[in-house]
Amino acid sequence: MKNYREFDVVILGGGLAGMYTAMNLDRELKIGMFIKDKIDKGSSNLAQGGIAAEIKFDEAKIKEHYEDTLRAGSNLNNKEAVEILVNEAGENIRNLVSMGVNFDKDQNGEFIKTLEGGHRSRRILHAGGDATGESVMRDLRESLKKYTNIDVFEDEMAIQIITDDNNKAIGLVCINNNNEPDYVFTNKIVIATGGCGGVYKNSTNEKFAVGDGIALAYRAGIKIENMEFVQFHPTGLYEPEKRGRVFLISEAVRGEGAILRNIEGQRFMDKYDKERMELAPRDVVSQAIKREMFDTWSDHVYLDIRHKTKDFLMHRFPTIYEKCMSIGVDMSKDLIPVTPIEHFLCGGIASDLCGHTSMEGVYAVGECANTGVHGANRLASNSLLECLVFGKRVADDINASKEELSKRTIKFPPVIGEPRKFNFKSIRVEIRDTMDKYVQIVRTEEGLNLAKKIIERHYKNLKKINVMSRYYFETLNMATVALIIIDAALSRNESIGCHCRLN
């Protein structure tokens, strides 16, 4: 008899979406949180800017947040989802604070708010200056220790959804660090595995963020949508020899008045968006920088915030200031070299307003999900807010049906493969190089077709073999997600949002 574990709810991922969902579930439910890496890793911990939210009820301000979100998303957003996002923001921030999260406050005890691109008002809450994600996640992890109904399993990667005869999800096959299968049976699965920046050579994401949850859902036949909308952040720190995860220069730096200059020292955003300039949405700014780099034969531009004092910069942006100093750049005296970099996936696993996917028993929340709130391009600091609002809605939906969670079906799937020490490094390198070269900010039909040909070959070869190893499944997931992005980009001929087609 095979060993297995049982839970009422299984959550895949330990970022803000997964953790907040778990902490809002009924304390009587037995919850298993399965994390591919470590609980203190991942994109939520890297978030700098903050969380966009109108805390107090102000109809005009909430409407403005709604309009700003639609405008940034080129009006391809699910409007009902956006209404939910902005209207339920305040209560979720208050809930987060009640869980022990501390946001930066002024001397009067009021939340300090900043401005970011695409927003018309200061509504972004932050913590630790420019270390919001790290601060929020640290506080939540401390609070999580009090939840005796939640068991956390690190180094456990989900590789297959187990279904019953009616195609309802009843469990998962996970793989541990010893490349051994672990069988987990449950009534509800919440996929909260984050984005897919790791399929690109350079990204603000960790290398292991390769869209595992999306590939997992795809293999199970769950609907995936809007994958062409991969957002590039305008200002990744430019380090010529740097490869892999790129340090982010937060949108909040421009929110505090920084301007963009090309390598000739000229301010250029007036050519691309006279009204909003540097505070235009990310797709506009990234594409403007790309054009400016092309016109000036350069691979970076500059961010200029020299008009702010050293004391202000060290206090407001301690993490960024320290990082810049480590490469010899003093923000108070020097221009900061920056370049657009892969940052966020706006599409993902199709999910409704309560997180339901196209498979019964499976929910999706956070960056891996496509709720429709982002449309063709994400408004700054709406990502962590999405984790909160829709994580709470997923939890509420599961709580409402908790009486039905007592019975479980146990059904073991066929053995997937054998442990083998195959090396897929060259495949991973070529996938990342190909995505960086042909599926970047600006795309062409010729480049996308070439990328498809390269990655499709790897995908087909990987599918031919049966290997039980995390390294294999991670590589297969990379090829799967890359192909989904390419096919979606080929299908949409128009340029809109962060999907820019030259032909």
Protein backbone atom coordinates (compact mmCIF):
# COMPACT_ATOMS: atom_id res chain seq x y z
CA MET A 1 0.00 0.00 0.00
CA LYS A 2 1.37 3.41 -0.97
CA ASN A 3 1.80 6.06 1.68
CA TYR A 4 -0.35 9.16 1.35
CA ARG A 5 -1.55 12.22 3.26
CA GLU A 6 -5.04 13.68 3.48
CA PHE A 7 -6.20 17.29 3.86
CA ASP A 8 -9.43 19.21 3.53
CA VAL A 9 -7.63 21.85 1.47
CA VAL A 10 -4.26 21.79 -0.24
CA ILE A 11 -2.60 25.06 -1.22
CA LEU A 12 0.27 25.08 -3.70
CA GLY A 13 2.60 28.00 -3.02
CA GLY A 14 3.74 29.95 0.02
CA GLY A 15 3.60 33.52 -1.26
CA LEU A 16 1.05 36.16 -0.30
CA ALA A 17 -1.77 34.59 -2.35
CA GLY A 18 -1.33 31.12 -0.87
CA MET A 19 -0.59 32.19 2.68
CA TYR A 20 -3.39 34.77 2.92
CA THR A 21 -5.88 32.26 1.50
CA ALA A 22 -4.79 29.65 4.06
CA MET A 23 -5.05 32.10 6.96
CA ASN A 24 -8.60 33.06 5.98
CA LEU A 25 -9.84 29.46 5.85
CA ASP A 26 -11.90 28.09 8.72
CA ARG A 27 -9.65 26.98 11.61
CA GLU A 28 -11.49 23.66 11.72
CA LEU A 29 -10.22 22.73 8.26
CA LYS A 30 -7.05 20.67 7.90
CA ILE A 31 -4.82 22.52 5.45
CA GLY A 32 -1.63 21.43 3.73
CA MET A 33 0.58 24.09 2.16
CA PHE A 34 3.02 22.61 -0.36
CA ILE A 35 5.89 24.83 -1.51
CA LYS A 36 8.36 23.96 -4.26
CA ASP A 37 11.23 25.82 -2.60
CA LYS A 38 11.35 27.55 0.79
CA ILE A 39 8.59 29.60 2.38
CA ASP A 40 10.80 32.69 2.61
CA LYS A 41 11.54 32.66 -1.14
CA GLY A 42 9.48 33.83 -4.09
CA SER A 43 8.17 36.96 -5.76
CA SER A 44 5.98 38.17 -2.88
CA ASN A 45 9.11 38.59 -0.78
CA LEU A 46 10.75 40.65 -3.55
CA ALA A 47 7.93 43.18 -4.02
CA GLN A 48 9.23 46.69 -3.34
CA GLY A 49 6.58 49.28 -4.12
CA GLY A 50 3.56 48.40 -2.04
CA ILE A 51 -0.16 47.66 -2.16
CA ALA A 52 -2.59 49.97 -3.96
CA ALA A 53 -5.72 50.46 -1.87
CA GLU A 54 -8.22 53.10 -0.79
CA ILE A 55 -8.57 52.21 2.89
CA LYS A 56 -11.34 54.61 3.78
CA PHE A 57 -14.59 54.58 1.85
CA ASP A 58 -14.38 57.42 -0.63
CA GLU A 59 -16.57 56.80 -3.65
CA ALA A 60 -14.68 59.25 -5.87
CA LYS A 61 -11.24 57.82 -4.98
CA ILE A 62 -12.41 54.22 -5.39
CA LYS A 63 -13.89 55.09 -8.78
CA GLU A 64 -10.58 56.70 -9.73
CA HIS A 65 -8.68 53.52 -8.76
CA TYR A 66 -11.15 51.56 -10.91
CA GLU A 67 -10.64 53.89 -13.88
CA ASP A 68 -6.86 53.90 -13.50
CA THR A 69 -6.85 50.09 -13.52
CA LEU A 70 -8.94 49.95 -16.70
CA ARG A 71 -6.85 52.59 -18.39
CA ALA A 72 -3.61 50.77 -17.60
CA GLY A 73 -5.13 47.49 -18.83
CA SER A 74 -6.25 48.98 -22.17
CA ASN A 75 -9.86 48.26 -21.14
CA LEU A 76 -9.40 44.53 -21.73
CA ASN A 77 -10.03 44.01 -18.02
CA ASN A 78 -12.96 42.09 -16.56
CA LYS A 79 -14.80 45.15 -15.23
CA GLU A 80 -16.70 43.22 -12.58
CA ALA A 81 -13.42 41.80 -11.25
CA VAL A 82 -11.91 45.29 -11.15
CA GLU A 83 -14.92 46.60 -9.21
CA ILE A 84 -14.41 43.83 -6.68
CA LEU A 85 -10.68 44.55 -6.50
CA VAL A 86 -11.04 48.25 -5.67
CA ASN A 87 -14.15 47.97 -3.49
CA GLU A 88 -12.86 45.15 -1.30
CA ALA A 89 -9.34 46.59 -0.96
CA GLY A 90 -9.92 48.46 2.29
CA GLU A 91 -11.40 45.56 4.26
CA ASN A 92 -8.58 43.27 3.19
CA ILE A 93 -5.91 45.78 4.21
CA ARG A 94 -7.58 46.04 7.61
CA ASN A 95 -7.70 42.25 7.80
CA LEU A 96 -4.00 42.08 6.92
CA VAL A 97 -3.16 44.56 9.68
CA SER A 98 -5.20 42.49 12.16
CA MET A 99 -2.99 39.52 11.23
CA GLY A 100 0.06 41.42 12.42
CA VAL A 101 1.27 43.20 9.29
CA ASN A 102 2.79 46.65 9.82
CA PHE A 103 2.75 49.36 7.16
CA ASP A 104 4.82 52.54 7.29
CA LYS A 105 3.11 55.35 9.21
CA ASP A 106 3.79 59.02 9.79
CA GLN A 107 4.31 60.71 13.16
CA ASN A 108 0.54 60.96 13.62
CA GLY A 109 0.06 57.23 13.14
CA GLU A 110 -1.47 57.59 9.67
CA PHE A 111 -0.50 55.30 6.82
CA ILE A 112 2.06 56.86 4.49
CA LYS A 113 0.98 56.63 0.85
CA THR A 114 3.06 57.02 -2.27
CA LEU A 115 2.39 57.50 -5.99
CA GLU A 116 3.27 55.13 -8.82
CA GLY A 117 2.88 54.96 -12.58
CA GLY A 118 -0.68 54.97 -13.90
CA HIS A 119 -2.18 56.21 -10.62
CA ARG A 120 -3.67 59.69 -10.33
CA SER A 121 -3.59 59.68 -6.52
CA ARG A 122 -1.30 58.60 -3.72
CA ARG A 123 -2.88 55.31 -2.68
CA ILE A 124 0.07 52.90 -2.40
CA LEU A 125 0.79 51.65 1.11
CA HIS A 126 4.32 50.46 1.78
CA ALA A 127 6.35 48.82 4.51
CA GLY A 128 10.04 48.98 5.34
CA GLY A 129 10.40 51.92 2.96
CA ASP A 130 10.93 49.98 -0.26
CA ALA A 131 10.76 46.44 1.16
CA THR A 132 7.00 45.96 1.30
CA GLY A 133 6.93 42.33 0.20
CA GLU A 134 9.70 41.28 2.53
CA SER A 135 8.08 43.07 5.49
CA VAL A 136 4.54 41.82 4.82
CA MET A 137 5.65 38.23 4.30
CA ARG A 138 7.88 38.26 7.38
CA ASP A 139 4.98 39.46 9.53
CA LEU A 140 2.60 36.90 8.04
CA ARG A 141 5.04 34.02 8.49
CA GLU A 142 5.30 34.96 12.18
CA SER A 143 1.49 34.96 12.49
CA LEU A 144 1.24 31.68 10.59
CA LYS A 145 2.90 29.88 13.51
CA LYS A 146 -0.32 30.35 15.50
CA TYR A 147 -2.37 28.42 12.94
CA THR A 148 -2.15 24.85 14.21
CA ASN A 149 -4.46 23.61 11.43
CA ILE A 150 -1.97 24.55 8.70
CA ASP A 151 0.94 22.20 7.92
CA VAL A 152 3.71 23.58 5.72
CA PHE A 153 5.73 21.27 3.48
CA GLU A 154 8.78 22.82 1.80
CA ASP A 155 10.66 21.32 -1.16
CA GLU A 156 7.49 19.64 -2.43
CA MET A 157 6.63 20.26 -6.08
CA ALA A 158 3.21 19.30 -7.47
CA ILE A 159 3.54 17.53 -10.82
CA GLN A 160 0.10 15.99 -11.45
CA ILE A 161 -3.54 16.60 -10.51
CA ILE A 162 -5.33 13.37 -9.68
CA THR A 163 -8.96 13.21 -10.84
CA ASP A 164 -11.88 10.86 -10.29
CA ASP A 165 -14.02 9.29 -13.01
CA ASN A 166 -15.97 12.56 -13.38
CA ASN A 167 -12.83 14.64 -13.93
CA LYS A 168 -13.09 16.20 -10.47
CA ALA A 169 -9.81 16.94 -8.72
CA ILE A 170 -9.26 14.65 -5.74
CA GLY A 171 -5.55 14.99 -5.10
CA LEU A 172 -2.02 15.58 -6.28
CA VAL A 173 1.20 13.80 -7.00
CA CYS A 174 4.07 15.82 -5.55
CA ILE A 175 7.77 15.18 -5.83
CA ASN A 176 10.22 15.75 -2.99
CA ASN A 177 13.93 16.58 -2.95
CA ASN A 178 14.78 12.88 -3.17
CA ASN A 179 12.80 12.64 -6.42
CA GLU A 180 10.24 10.42 -4.72
CA PRO A 181 6.49 10.73 -5.36
CA ASP A 182 4.28 11.92 -2.51
CA TYR A 183 0.55 11.31 -2.83
CA VAL A 184 -1.79 13.91 -1.37
CA PHE A 185 -5.58 13.57 -1.33
CA THR A 186 -7.86 16.50 -0.72
CA ASN A 187 -11.27 18.00 -1.45
CA LYS A 188 -10.03 21.38 -2.66
CA ILE A 189 -6.82 22.43 -4.41
CA VAL A 190 -5.73 26.08 -4.53
CA ILE A 191 -3.02 26.82 -7.08
CA ALA A 192 -1.05 29.87 -5.91
CA THR A 193 2.32 29.15 -7.47
CA GLY A 194 3.16 32.61 -8.83
CA GLY A 195 4.51 33.72 -12.19
CA CYS A 196 6.84 32.49 -14.88
CA GLY A 197 9.78 34.91 -15.06
CA GLY A 198 12.17 31.97 -14.88
CA VAL A 199 11.38 31.05 -18.50
CA TYR A 200 13.26 34.24 -19.46
CA LYS A 201 17.03 34.65 -19.20
CA ASN A 202 16.64 37.92 -17.32
CA SER A 203 13.77 38.68 -14.96
CA THR A 204 12.99 40.31 -11.63
CA ASN A 205 11.68 36.87 -10.54
CA GLU A 206 13.64 34.03 -8.97
CA LYS A 207 14.96 31.51 -11.49
CA PHE A 208 12.72 28.76 -10.07
CA ALA A 209 9.55 30.73 -10.89
CA VAL A 210 8.82 28.95 -14.17
CA GLY A 211 5.03 28.81 -14.17
CA ASP A 212 4.77 25.39 -12.50
CA GLY A 213 1.13 25.83 -11.50
CA ILE A 214 0.14 26.94 -14.99
CA ALA A 215 1.88 23.94 -16.58
CA LEU A 216 0.31 21.65 -13.96
CA ALA A 217 -3.15 23.00 -14.81
CA TYR A 218 -2.47 22.80 -18.56
CA ARG A 219 -1.56 19.11 -18.33
CA ALA A 220 -4.84 18.53 -16.50
CA GLY A 221 -6.80 20.22 -19.29
CA ILE A 222 -7.67 23.33 -17.28
CA LYS A 223 -8.30 26.49 -19.30
CA ILE A 224 -5.40 28.96 -19.62
CA GLU A 225 -5.83 32.44 -21.14
CA ASN A 226 -4.20 35.81 -21.94
CA MET A 227 -0.66 34.43 -21.72
CA GLU A 228 0.63 36.88 -24.33
CA PHE A 229 0.43 39.64 -21.75
CA VAL A 230 3.83 39.37 -20.12
CA GLN A 231 4.64 42.65 -18.41
CA PHE A 232 8.12 44.15 -18.54
CA HIS A 233 9.04 46.51 -15.73
CA PRO A 234 10.60 49.69 -17.14
CA THR A 235 13.40 50.02 -14.60
CA GLY A 236 15.46 46.97 -13.80
CA LEU A 237 18.92 47.94 -12.54
CA TYR A 238 21.34 47.69 -15.46
CA GLU A 239 24.41 45.63 -14.59
CA PRO A 240 26.23 44.63 -17.83
CA GLU A 241 27.52 41.27 -16.62
CA LYS A 242 24.44 40.35 -14.58
CA ARG A 243 22.44 37.26 -15.58
CA GLY A 244 19.34 35.77 -14.00
CA ARG A 245 17.36 37.71 -11.39
CA VAL A 246 17.69 41.44 -11.96
CA PHE A 247 17.37 43.93 -9.12
CA LEU A 248 14.28 46.11 -9.47
CA ILE A 249 14.25 49.88 -9.15
CA SER A 250 10.76 50.41 -7.79
CA GLU A 251 8.07 52.37 -9.63
CA ALA A 252 7.86 54.40 -6.42
CA VAL A 253 11.17 56.09 -7.31
CA ARG A 254 9.42 57.71 -10.26
CA GLY A 255 6.46 58.30 -7.97
CA GLU A 256 8.76 60.45 -5.85
CA GLY A 257 9.79 62.51 -8.87
CA ALA A 258 12.56 60.63 -10.70
CA ILE A 259 12.77 61.31 -14.43
CA LEU A 260 14.08 59.18 -17.28
CA ARG A 261 16.99 60.29 -19.47
CA ASN A 262 18.58 58.59 -22.45
CA ILE A 263 22.34 57.99 -22.64
CA GLU A 264 22.75 61.47 -24.08
CA GLY A 265 21.21 62.94 -20.93
CA GLN A 266 17.96 64.02 -22.58
CA ARG A 267 14.57 63.57 -20.94
CA PHE A 268 12.41 61.71 -23.46
CA MET A 269 9.02 60.65 -22.07
CA ASP A 270 7.35 63.78 -23.45
CA LYS A 271 7.68 62.18 -26.91
CA TYR A 272 5.60 59.18 -25.86
CA ASP A 273 3.11 60.38 -23.23
CA LYS A 274 2.99 64.15 -22.67
CA GLU A 275 0.26 63.92 -20.05
CA ARG A 276 1.68 61.31 -17.70
CA MET A 277 5.38 61.36 -18.64
CA GLU A 278 7.35 59.01 -16.35
CA LEU A 279 4.14 58.10 -14.51
CA ALA A 280 2.52 56.50 -17.53
CA PRO A 281 1.58 52.79 -17.15
CA ARG A 282 4.39 50.25 -17.43
CA ASP A 283 3.65 49.10 -20.97
CA VAL A 284 3.94 52.68 -22.24
CA VAL A 285 7.15 53.43 -20.36
CA SER A 286 8.83 50.11 -21.20
CA GLN A 287 8.08 50.45 -24.90
CA ALA A 288 9.25 54.09 -24.85
CA ILE A 289 12.56 53.06 -23.26
CA LYS A 290 12.95 50.26 -25.81
CA ARG A 291 12.47 52.75 -28.65
CA GLU A 292 14.85 55.25 -27.04
CA MET A 293 17.51 52.55 -26.64
CA PHE A 294 17.09 51.61 -30.30
CA ASP A 295 17.38 55.23 -31.45
CA THR A 296 20.50 55.90 -29.35
CA TRP A 297 22.23 52.55 -30.03
CA SER A 298 22.31 51.71 -26.33
CA ASP A 299 21.24 48.93 -24.01
CA HIS A 300 20.06 51.11 -21.12
CA VAL A 301 18.77 54.53 -20.10
CA TYR A 302 19.05 56.48 -16.84
CA LEU A 303 16.79 57.28 -13.92
CA ASP A 304 17.50 60.68 -12.38
CA ILE A 305 16.44 61.48 -8.81
CA ARG A 306 19.40 63.70 -7.92
CA HIS A 307 17.07 66.52 -6.89
CA LYS A 308 16.22 64.58 -3.69
CA THR A 309 18.48 64.74 -0.66
CA LYS A 310 20.63 61.86 0.45
CA ASP A 311 18.77 61.64 3.76
CA PHE A 312 15.41 61.38 2.01
CA LEU A 313 16.62 58.67 -0.36
CA MET A 314 18.28 56.62 2.36
CA HIS A 315 15.11 56.72 4.47
CA ARG A 316 12.53 56.26 1.69
CA PHE A 317 14.46 53.72 -0.39
CA PRO A 318 16.92 51.99 1.95
CA THR A 319 17.09 48.74 -0.05
CA ILE A 320 17.51 50.45 -3.41
CA TYR A 321 20.00 52.98 -2.04
CA GLU A 322 22.16 50.23 -0.55
CA LYS A 323 22.07 48.16 -3.75
CA CYS A 324 22.99 51.14 -5.93
CA MET A 325 25.89 52.02 -3.62
CA SER A 326 27.14 48.42 -3.94
CA ILE A 327 27.74 49.00 -7.65
CA GLY A 328 29.19 52.48 -7.15
CA VAL A 329 26.05 54.53 -7.84
CA ASP A 330 25.04 57.20 -5.31
CA MET A 331 21.39 57.99 -6.06
CA SER A 332 21.77 61.49 -4.64
CA LYS A 333 24.62 62.33 -7.03
CA ASP A 334 24.60 59.83 -9.90
CA LEU A 335 22.24 58.72 -12.64
CA ILE A 336 20.91 55.19 -12.10
CA PRO A 337 21.37 52.92 -15.17
CA VAL A 338 18.15 51.01 -15.90
CA THR A 339 16.64 48.78 -18.58
CA PRO A 340 13.21 47.11 -19.04
CA ILE A 341 13.06 43.58 -17.66
CA GLU A 342 10.51 40.75 -17.54
CA HIS A 343 8.46 41.21 -14.40
CA PHE A 344 4.86 39.97 -14.22
CA LEU A 345 2.38 37.70 -15.98
CA CYS A 346 -1.01 39.34 -16.54
CA GLY A 347 -2.70 36.17 -17.86
CA GLY A 348 -2.73 32.65 -16.47
CA ILE A 349 -5.18 29.99 -15.28
CA ALA A 350 -8.69 31.18 -16.11
CA SER A 351 -10.55 31.82 -12.85
CA ASP A 352 -13.87 33.37 -11.95
CA LEU A 353 -14.68 35.91 -9.26
CA CYS A 354 -14.31 33.28 -6.52
CA GLY A 355 -11.22 31.64 -7.98
CA HIS A 356 -12.92 28.61 -9.57
CA THR A 357 -11.12 27.18 -12.58
CA SER A 358 -12.57 25.02 -15.36
CA MET A 359 -11.95 21.88 -13.25
CA GLU A 360 -14.19 21.11 -10.29
CA GLY A 361 -12.27 21.23 -7.03
CA VAL A 362 -9.43 23.44 -8.33
CA TYR A 363 -9.00 27.16 -7.58
CA ALA A 364 -6.33 29.59 -8.77
CA VAL A 365 -5.25 32.84 -7.14
CA GLY A 366 -2.40 35.34 -7.46
CA GLU A 367 -0.06 35.79 -10.41
CA CYS A 368 -0.70 32.30 -11.80
CA ALA A 369 -4.41 33.13 -12.16
CA ASN A 370 -6.22 35.21 -14.74
CA THR A 371 -9.02 36.94 -12.86
CA GLY A 372 -9.24 39.60 -15.55
CA VAL A 373 -8.31 42.46 -13.23
CA HIS A 374 -5.15 43.36 -15.14
CA GLY A 375 -6.40 43.23 -18.71
CA ALA A 376 -3.57 43.80 -21.16
CA ASN A 377 -1.22 45.38 -18.62
CA ARG A 378 -1.06 45.54 -14.82
CA LEU A 379 -1.44 48.81 -12.93
CA ALA A 380 1.41 49.25 -10.45
CA SER A 381 0.89 47.70 -6.98
CA ASN A 382 -2.35 45.97 -7.93
CA SER A 383 -0.63 42.55 -7.80
CA LEU A 384 -0.37 42.15 -4.03
CA LEU A 385 -3.87 43.61 -3.74
CA GLU A 386 -5.16 40.93 -6.13
CA CYS A 387 -3.60 38.25 -3.90
CA LEU A 388 -5.49 39.63 -0.91
CA VAL A 389 -8.90 40.32 -2.44
CA PHE A 390 -9.22 37.11 -4.43
CA GLY A 391 -7.43 35.01 -1.82
CA LYS A 392 -10.12 36.05 0.66
CA ARG A 393 -12.85 35.27 -1.87
CA VAL A 394 -11.40 31.79 -2.50
CA ALA A 395 -11.27 31.17 1.26
CA ASP A 396 -14.85 32.40 1.73
CA ASP A 397 -16.06 30.13 -1.06
CA ILE A 398 -14.36 27.07 0.46
CA ASN A 399 -15.60 27.97 3.96
CA ALA A 400 -19.17 28.09 2.66
CA SER A 401 -18.91 24.45 1.59
CA LYS A 402 -16.86 23.12 4.50
CA GLU A 403 -19.60 20.69 5.53
CA GLU A 404 -19.05 18.85 2.24
CA LEU A 405 -15.32 18.34 2.83
CA SER A 406 -15.47 15.34 5.16
CA LYS A 407 -15.47 12.61 2.49
CA ARG A 408 -12.52 11.94 0.21
CA THR A 409 -11.81 9.63 -2.69
CA ILE A 410 -8.51 7.75 -2.70
CA LYS A 411 -7.37 6.74 -6.17
CA PHE A 412 -3.72 6.25 -7.07
CA PRO A 413 -2.69 7.19 -10.61
CA PRO A 414 -0.29 5.12 -12.74
CA VAL A 415 3.42 5.53 -11.92
CA ILE A 416 4.76 8.52 -13.87
CA GLY A 417 8.39 7.53 -14.37
CA GLU A 418 11.68 6.45 -12.84
CA PRO A 419 14.27 8.60 -11.08
CA ARG A 420 17.04 9.42 -13.58
CA LYS A 421 19.88 11.90 -13.36
CA PHE A 422 19.37 13.34 -16.82
CA ASN A 423 20.89 16.76 -17.50
CA PHE A 424 18.59 19.32 -19.12
CA LYS A 425 20.79 22.39 -18.64
CA SER A 426 21.33 23.06 -22.36
CA ILE A 427 17.56 22.92 -22.96
CA ARG A 428 16.87 25.35 -20.15
CA VAL A 429 19.54 27.76 -21.42
CA GLU A 430 18.13 27.69 -24.96
CA ILE A 431 14.55 28.21 -23.77
CA ARG A 432 15.57 31.27 -21.75
CA ASP A 433 17.77 32.69 -24.51
CA THR A 434 14.99 32.19 -27.07
CA MET A 435 12.35 33.89 -24.94
CA ASP A 436 14.68 36.81 -24.23
CA LYS A 437 15.49 37.22 -27.92
CA TYR A 438 12.15 36.68 -29.66
CA VAL A 439 9.35 37.03 -27.07
CA GLN A 440 10.47 40.29 -25.56
CA ILE A 441 8.80 43.72 -25.30
CA VAL A 442 8.58 44.04 -29.09
CA ARG A 443 7.59 40.95 -31.09
CA THR A 444 7.42 39.98 -34.75
CA GLU A 445 5.66 37.11 -36.48
CA GLU A 446 8.96 35.85 -37.86
CA GLY A 447 10.63 35.91 -34.43
CA LEU A 448 7.67 34.24 -32.71
CA ASN A 449 7.55 31.46 -35.31
CA LEU A 450 11.27 30.88 -34.93
CA ALA A 451 10.89 30.75 -31.15
CA LYS A 452 8.02 28.28 -31.50
CA LYS A 453 10.09 26.01 -33.72
CA ILE A 454 12.99 25.96 -31.24
CA ILE A 455 10.93 25.41 -28.10
CA GLU A 456 8.45 23.01 -29.68
CA ARG A 457 11.36 20.71 -30.54
CA HIS A 458 12.46 20.66 -26.90
CA TYR A 459 8.88 20.19 -25.69
CA LYS A 460 8.31 17.16 -27.93
CA ASN A 461 11.61 15.58 -26.92
CA LEU A 462 10.87 16.10 -23.23
CA LYS A 463 7.42 14.54 -23.61
CA LYS A 464 8.98 11.38 -25.08
CA ILE A 465 10.79 10.47 -21.89
CA ASN A 466 9.43 9.40 -18.51
CA VAL A 467 11.57 10.76 -15.70
CA MET A 468 10.65 11.14 -12.06
CA SER A 469 12.72 14.15 -11.07
CA ARG A 470 12.03 17.72 -10.07
CA TYR A 471 14.66 18.88 -12.58
CA TYR A 472 12.82 17.15 -15.40
CA PHE A 473 9.38 18.50 -14.52
CA GLU A 474 10.73 22.00 -14.00
CA THR A 475 12.28 21.87 -17.48
CA LEU A 476 9.08 20.45 -18.98
CA ASN A 477 7.12 23.24 -17.28
CA MET A 478 9.46 25.84 -18.77
CA ALA A 479 8.93 24.48 -22.28
CA THR A 480 5.16 24.18 -21.72
CA VAL A 481 4.69 27.73 -20.45
CA ALA A 482 7.01 29.22 -23.08
CA LEU A 483 4.98 27.54 -25.83
CA ILE A 484 1.68 28.75 -24.38
CA ILE A 485 3.03 32.33 -24.30
CA ILE A 486 4.30 32.09 -27.89
CA ASP A 487 1.06 30.60 -29.25
CA ALA A 488 -0.98 33.31 -27.50
CA ALA A 489 1.33 36.01 -28.89
CA LEU A 490 0.99 34.60 -32.41
CA SER A 491 -2.79 34.50 -32.09
CA ARG A 492 -3.09 38.19 -31.23
CA ASN A 493 -1.98 40.27 -34.21
CA GLU A 494 -2.84 43.64 -32.70
CA SER A 495 -0.51 45.59 -30.42
CA ILE A 496 -2.22 46.27 -27.13
CA GLY A 497 -0.99 46.72 -23.58
CA CYS A 498 2.24 44.85 -22.89
CA HIS A 499 1.85 42.79 -26.09
CA CYS A 500 3.61 44.83 -28.77
CA ARG A 501 3.63 43.40 -32.32
CA LEU A 502 5.60 45.01 -35.14
CA ASN A 503 3.92 42.73 -37.66
